[in-house]
Amino acid sequence: MRYLAININYKLNQDWYCRLGSIVDCHKYFSDLGPAHGPGIAIYDTEMGKYIWLNEAYKDDNVRLNEIIQDATRA
């Protein structure tokens, strides 16, 4: 799966990502999330090594996002 749909719940200090095959699937994943999972933060393309979409409100948390991406690509 090429894309990572990343969401972070800051209240519970939990990070989630889901590997998906298309950007449309990532947006569907974000729409289907319940409130306990936190908002959609980013869609990351693992083949190109860059963000396809990044929520403006979370641009300053690159360290946390980079850790999530590194963990996901190692798995």
N, C-alpha and C. Protein backbone atom coordinates (compact mmCIF):
# COMPACT_ATOMS: atom_id res chain seq x y z
N MET A 1 0.84 -1.18 0.00
CA MET A 1 0.00 0.00 0.00
C MET A 1 0.88 1.24 0.00
N ARG A 2 0.54 2.14 -0.85
CA ARG A 2 1.40 3.29 -1.11
C ARG A 2 1.22 4.46 -0.14
N TYR A 3 0.02 4.68 0.36
CA TYR A 3 -0.27 5.88 1.14
C TYR A 3 -0.48 5.58 2.61
N LEU A 4 -0.07 6.54 3.44
CA LEU A 4 -0.35 6.47 4.87
C LEU A 4 -1.34 7.57 5.21
N ALA A 5 -2.47 7.19 5.77
CA ALA A 5 -3.43 8.15 6.31
C ALA A 5 -3.10 8.25 7.80
N ILE A 6 -2.71 9.42 8.24
CA ILE A 6 -2.21 9.60 9.62
C ILE A 6 -3.18 10.46 10.41
N ASN A 7 -3.51 9.99 11.59
CA ASN A 7 -4.30 10.79 12.51
C ASN A 7 -3.69 10.69 13.91
N ILE A 8 -3.85 11.77 14.68
CA ILE A 8 -3.26 11.88 16.02
C ILE A 8 -4.34 12.32 16.99
N ASN A 9 -4.40 11.64 18.12
CA ASN A 9 -5.30 12.05 19.21
C ASN A 9 -4.41 12.64 20.29
N TYR A 10 -4.36 13.96 20.36
CA TYR A 10 -3.49 14.63 21.32
C TYR A 10 -3.98 14.45 22.76
N LYS A 11 -5.29 14.34 22.95
CA LYS A 11 -5.82 14.15 24.31
C LYS A 11 -5.32 12.85 24.92
N LEU A 12 -5.31 11.79 24.13
CA LEU A 12 -4.87 10.48 24.63
C LEU A 12 -3.40 10.18 24.30
N ASN A 13 -2.74 11.14 23.63
CA ASN A 13 -1.35 10.97 23.22
C ASN A 13 -1.16 9.68 22.41
N GLN A 14 -2.03 9.49 21.41
CA GLN A 14 -1.98 8.30 20.58
C GLN A 14 -1.90 8.69 19.11
N ASP A 15 -1.13 7.90 18.38
CA ASP A 15 -0.96 8.10 16.95
C ASP A 15 -1.50 6.89 16.21
N TRP A 16 -2.14 7.13 15.07
CA TRP A 16 -2.62 6.05 14.22
C TRP A 16 -2.22 6.33 12.79
N TYR A 17 -1.99 5.28 12.07
CA TYR A 17 -1.85 5.40 10.62
C TYR A 17 -2.47 4.17 9.99
N CYS A 18 -2.89 4.32 8.77
CA CYS A 18 -3.48 3.22 8.02
C CYS A 18 -2.85 3.23 6.64
N ARG A 19 -2.37 2.07 6.20
CA ARG A 19 -1.80 1.95 4.85
C ARG A 19 -2.95 1.70 3.88
N LEU A 20 -3.01 2.52 2.85
CA LEU A 20 -4.09 2.41 1.89
C LEU A 20 -3.55 2.55 0.46
N GLY A 21 -4.34 2.10 -0.49
CA GLY A 21 -3.89 2.07 -1.87
C GLY A 21 -4.18 3.30 -2.69
N SER A 22 -5.04 4.19 -2.21
CA SER A 22 -5.35 5.38 -3.00
C SER A 22 -5.64 6.56 -2.07
N ILE A 23 -5.55 7.74 -2.65
CA ILE A 23 -5.84 8.95 -1.89
C ILE A 23 -7.32 8.99 -1.53
N VAL A 24 -8.17 8.50 -2.42
CA VAL A 24 -9.61 8.44 -2.15
C VAL A 24 -9.87 7.55 -0.92
N ASP A 25 -9.17 6.42 -0.84
CA ASP A 25 -9.32 5.54 0.33
C ASP A 25 -8.89 6.25 1.61
N CYS A 26 -7.86 7.08 1.53
CA CYS A 26 -7.41 7.83 2.70
C CYS A 26 -8.49 8.80 3.17
N HIS A 27 -9.09 9.51 2.23
CA HIS A 27 -10.16 10.45 2.61
C HIS A 27 -11.36 9.71 3.18
N LYS A 28 -11.67 8.54 2.65
CA LYS A 28 -12.77 7.72 3.19
C LYS A 28 -12.43 7.27 4.61
N TYR A 29 -11.19 6.86 4.83
CA TYR A 29 -10.74 6.46 6.17
C TYR A 29 -10.95 7.61 7.16
N PHE A 30 -10.54 8.82 6.78
CA PHE A 30 -10.72 9.98 7.66
C PHE A 30 -12.20 10.24 7.92
N SER A 31 -13.06 10.12 6.90
CA SER A 31 -14.49 10.37 7.12
C SER A 31 -15.13 9.32 8.01
N ASP A 32 -14.61 8.09 7.97
CA ASP A 32 -15.20 7.01 8.76
C ASP A 32 -14.69 6.97 10.21
N LEU A 33 -13.68 7.78 10.54
CA LEU A 33 -13.13 7.76 11.90
C LEU A 33 -14.15 8.26 12.91
N GLY A 34 -14.14 7.63 14.05
CA GLY A 34 -14.94 8.13 15.16
C GLY A 34 -14.16 9.20 15.90
N PRO A 35 -14.81 9.95 16.77
CA PRO A 35 -14.16 11.05 17.48
C PRO A 35 -13.02 10.59 18.40
N ALA A 36 -13.01 9.34 18.82
CA ALA A 36 -11.96 8.85 19.72
C ALA A 36 -10.61 8.70 19.03
N HIS A 37 -10.58 8.74 17.71
CA HIS A 37 -9.33 8.54 16.98
C HIS A 37 -8.60 9.83 16.65
N GLY A 38 -9.20 10.96 16.91
CA GLY A 38 -8.57 12.23 16.59
C GLY A 38 -8.74 12.57 15.12
N PRO A 39 -8.38 13.79 14.75
CA PRO A 39 -8.61 14.25 13.38
C PRO A 39 -7.59 13.69 12.40
N GLY A 40 -7.94 13.73 11.12
CA GLY A 40 -6.99 13.41 10.07
C GLY A 40 -5.93 14.48 10.02
N ILE A 41 -4.67 14.07 10.00
CA ILE A 41 -3.57 15.02 10.03
C ILE A 41 -2.86 15.11 8.68
N ALA A 42 -2.61 13.92 8.06
CA ALA A 42 -1.81 13.94 6.84
C ALA A 42 -2.07 12.70 6.00
N ILE A 43 -1.79 12.87 4.71
CA ILE A 43 -1.70 11.74 3.79
C ILE A 43 -0.27 11.78 3.25
N TYR A 44 0.44 10.69 3.42
CA TYR A 44 1.85 10.63 3.05
C TYR A 44 2.05 9.57 1.98
N ASP A 45 2.76 9.92 0.92
CA ASP A 45 3.06 9.01 -0.17
C ASP A 45 4.40 8.35 0.12
N THR A 46 4.39 7.05 0.39
CA THR A 46 5.61 6.35 0.77
C THR A 46 6.56 6.15 -0.41
N GLU A 47 6.05 6.11 -1.62
CA GLU A 47 6.92 5.94 -2.79
C GLU A 47 7.65 7.24 -3.15
N MET A 48 6.95 8.35 -3.06
CA MET A 48 7.55 9.64 -3.38
C MET A 48 8.27 10.25 -2.19
N GLY A 49 7.94 9.77 -0.98
CA GLY A 49 8.57 10.29 0.23
C GLY A 49 8.17 11.71 0.58
N LYS A 50 6.89 12.04 0.34
CA LYS A 50 6.42 13.38 0.71
C LYS A 50 4.92 13.38 0.99
N TYR A 51 4.49 14.47 1.62
CA TYR A 51 3.08 14.62 1.95
C TYR A 51 2.28 14.96 0.71
N ILE A 52 1.15 14.27 0.56
CA ILE A 52 0.18 14.62 -0.47
C ILE A 52 -0.76 15.68 0.09
N TRP A 53 -1.06 15.55 1.36
CA TRP A 53 -1.93 16.51 2.06
C TRP A 53 -1.47 16.59 3.51
N LEU A 54 -1.43 17.80 4.05
CA LEU A 54 -1.07 18.00 5.45
C LEU A 54 -1.98 19.08 6.01
N ASN A 55 -2.70 18.75 7.08
CA ASN A 55 -3.59 19.69 7.74
C ASN A 55 -2.78 20.90 8.21
N GLU A 56 -3.18 22.08 7.80
CA GLU A 56 -2.46 23.32 8.12
C GLU A 56 -2.22 23.49 9.62
N ALA A 57 -3.17 23.07 10.44
CA ALA A 57 -3.07 23.26 11.88
C ALA A 57 -1.95 22.41 12.51
N TYR A 58 -1.44 21.44 11.78
CA TYR A 58 -0.46 20.51 12.35
C TYR A 58 0.90 20.59 11.67
N LYS A 59 1.12 21.62 10.88
CA LYS A 59 2.42 21.75 10.18
C LYS A 59 3.59 21.85 11.15
N ASP A 60 3.37 22.37 12.34
CA ASP A 60 4.46 22.56 13.29
C ASP A 60 4.85 21.31 14.05
N ASP A 61 4.14 20.22 13.87
CA ASP A 61 4.43 18.99 14.61
C ASP A 61 5.18 17.99 13.72
N ASN A 62 6.14 18.47 12.95
CA ASN A 62 6.85 17.62 12.02
C ASN A 62 7.65 16.51 12.69
N VAL A 63 8.16 16.75 13.89
CA VAL A 63 8.93 15.72 14.60
C VAL A 63 8.04 14.51 14.87
N ARG A 64 6.87 14.74 15.38
CA ARG A 64 5.95 13.64 15.67
C ARG A 64 5.51 12.94 14.39
N LEU A 65 5.18 13.70 13.37
CA LEU A 65 4.79 13.10 12.10
C LEU A 65 5.93 12.29 11.49
N ASN A 66 7.15 12.82 11.56
CA ASN A 66 8.30 12.08 11.03
C ASN A 66 8.50 10.76 11.76
N GLU A 67 8.30 10.75 13.07
CA GLU A 67 8.41 9.50 13.85
C GLU A 67 7.36 8.48 13.41
N ILE A 68 6.14 8.94 13.19
CA ILE A 68 5.06 8.06 12.74
C ILE A 68 5.42 7.46 11.38
N ILE A 69 5.89 8.30 10.47
CA ILE A 69 6.25 7.84 9.13
C ILE A 69 7.41 6.85 9.19
N GLN A 70 8.41 7.14 9.99
CA GLN A 70 9.56 6.22 10.11
C GLN A 70 9.12 4.88 10.66
N ASP A 71 8.28 4.90 11.69
CA ASP A 71 7.77 3.64 12.26
C ASP A 71 6.98 2.85 11.22
N ALA A 72 6.15 3.55 10.46
CA ALA A 72 5.30 2.89 9.47
C ALA A 72 6.12 2.30 8.33
N THR A 73 7.15 3.01 7.90
CA THR A 73 7.94 2.51 6.77
C THR A 73 8.88 1.39 7.18
N ARG A 74 9.22 1.31 8.46
CA ARG A 74 10.05 0.20 8.96
C ARG A 74 9.22 -1.07 9.14
N ALA A 75 7.93 -0.90 9.41
CA ALA A 75 7.06 -2.05 9.70
C ALA A 75 6.78 -2.88 8.46
